[in-house]
Structure formats: C-alpha cells, structure tokens
Amino acid sequence: MPYVYRFRPCPNKKQEELFNKQVRQCRAALNSLKEGFTRLKRVVGVDCSKLIPVEGMLVPCEEVRKPQ
C-alpha cells in the first residue's frame, strides 16, 4: 500500500515548494524501497524522517507536534 502524503501548507511559499519536492522524492523512494527512513535518506538525499506516518498519512513532524 503506497503512502499518501497530506500536509498543512507551509507559511512560506519557497519552503512549500521545497517540501513538495522532498515529498515527491520520498514518495518515489518509499514506493520502491521497504528499508525504512535511514536508507531513504542515503538514497534520495532527503531526510524522510521528517515525514512521519499519522493515520496512514505522512506529515512533517513539526506539524504533528504543534498543539491543536
């Protein structure tokens, strides 16, 4: 089952574009590898550990930790 990525928009447009690019790289790597985030970082050069699973979705850790 491929991961689905959903996240709140970043406040900064440039940040958002960078994050979208990272998400695409992480998605491609996650769909082809089953070896976890550490290996992904080496493969795609993106710290996919910043994207963590939440109820079947991957979202930035910072967004998850913010109080609701």
Protein backbone atom coordinates (compact mmCIF):
# COMPACT_ATOMS: atom_id res chain seq x y z
CA MET A 1 0.00 0.00 0.00
CA PRO A 2 1.68 3.23 -1.11
CA TYR A 3 1.88 6.07 1.39
CA VAL A 4 -0.43 9.02 0.86
CA TYR A 5 1.10 12.40 1.63
CA ARG A 6 -1.04 15.17 3.04
CA PHE A 7 0.17 18.16 5.00
CA ARG A 8 -0.79 21.66 6.01
CA PRO A 9 0.53 24.36 3.68
CA CYS A 10 3.84 25.89 4.71
CA PRO A 11 3.63 29.58 5.62
CA ASN A 12 6.49 30.38 3.24
CA LYS A 13 5.98 29.75 -0.50
CA LYS A 14 9.61 28.81 -1.09
CA GLN A 15 9.51 26.42 1.88
CA GLU A 16 6.35 24.88 0.48
CA GLU A 17 7.91 24.27 -2.94
CA LEU A 18 10.97 22.68 -1.34
CA PHE A 19 8.80 20.48 0.86
CA ASN A 20 6.65 19.42 -2.08
CA LYS A 21 9.81 18.42 -3.92
CA GLN A 22 11.03 16.43 -0.92
CA VAL A 23 7.65 14.72 -0.61
CA ARG A 24 7.79 13.64 -4.24
CA GLN A 25 11.29 12.23 -3.74
CA CYS A 26 10.26 10.45 -0.56
CA ARG A 27 7.15 9.04 -2.18
CA ALA A 28 9.11 7.64 -5.12
CA ALA A 29 11.68 6.08 -2.83
CA LEU A 30 9.14 4.74 -0.31
CA ASN A 31 7.17 3.09 -3.07
CA SER A 32 10.26 1.29 -4.36
CA LEU A 33 12.05 0.55 -1.07
CA LYS A 34 10.90 -1.15 2.10
CA GLU A 35 14.06 -0.47 4.08
CA GLY A 36 12.99 2.49 6.17
CA PHE A 37 13.79 6.16 6.51
CA THR A 38 17.52 5.87 7.24
CA ARG A 39 18.16 4.10 3.96
CA LEU A 40 15.89 6.55 2.16
CA LYS A 41 17.96 9.48 3.33
CA ARG A 42 21.03 7.94 1.75
CA VAL A 43 19.19 7.06 -1.46
CA VAL A 44 17.37 10.29 -2.25
CA GLY A 45 19.43 12.72 -0.17
CA VAL A 46 16.29 13.87 1.62
CA ASP A 47 15.63 13.47 5.32
CA CYS A 48 12.44 11.47 5.02
CA SER A 49 12.43 11.00 8.80
CA LYS A 50 10.93 14.50 8.94
CA LEU A 51 7.86 12.93 7.35
CA ILE A 52 6.21 10.60 9.81
CA PRO A 53 3.18 8.33 9.44
CA VAL A 54 0.00 9.66 11.04
CA GLU A 55 -3.17 7.67 10.50
CA GLY A 56 -1.90 6.35 7.19
CA MET A 57 -0.57 9.71 6.03
CA LEU A 58 2.91 11.20 6.15
CA VAL A 59 3.18 14.70 7.54
CA PRO A 60 6.02 16.90 8.78
CA CYS A 61 6.96 16.13 12.39
CA GLU A 62 6.77 19.81 13.29
CA GLU A 63 3.14 19.96 12.24
CA VAL A 64 2.28 16.89 14.29
CA ARG A 65 3.91 18.19 17.47
CA LYS A 66 2.15 21.57 17.41
CA PRO A 67 -0.65 21.79 19.98
CA GLN A 68 -4.09 21.73 18.41
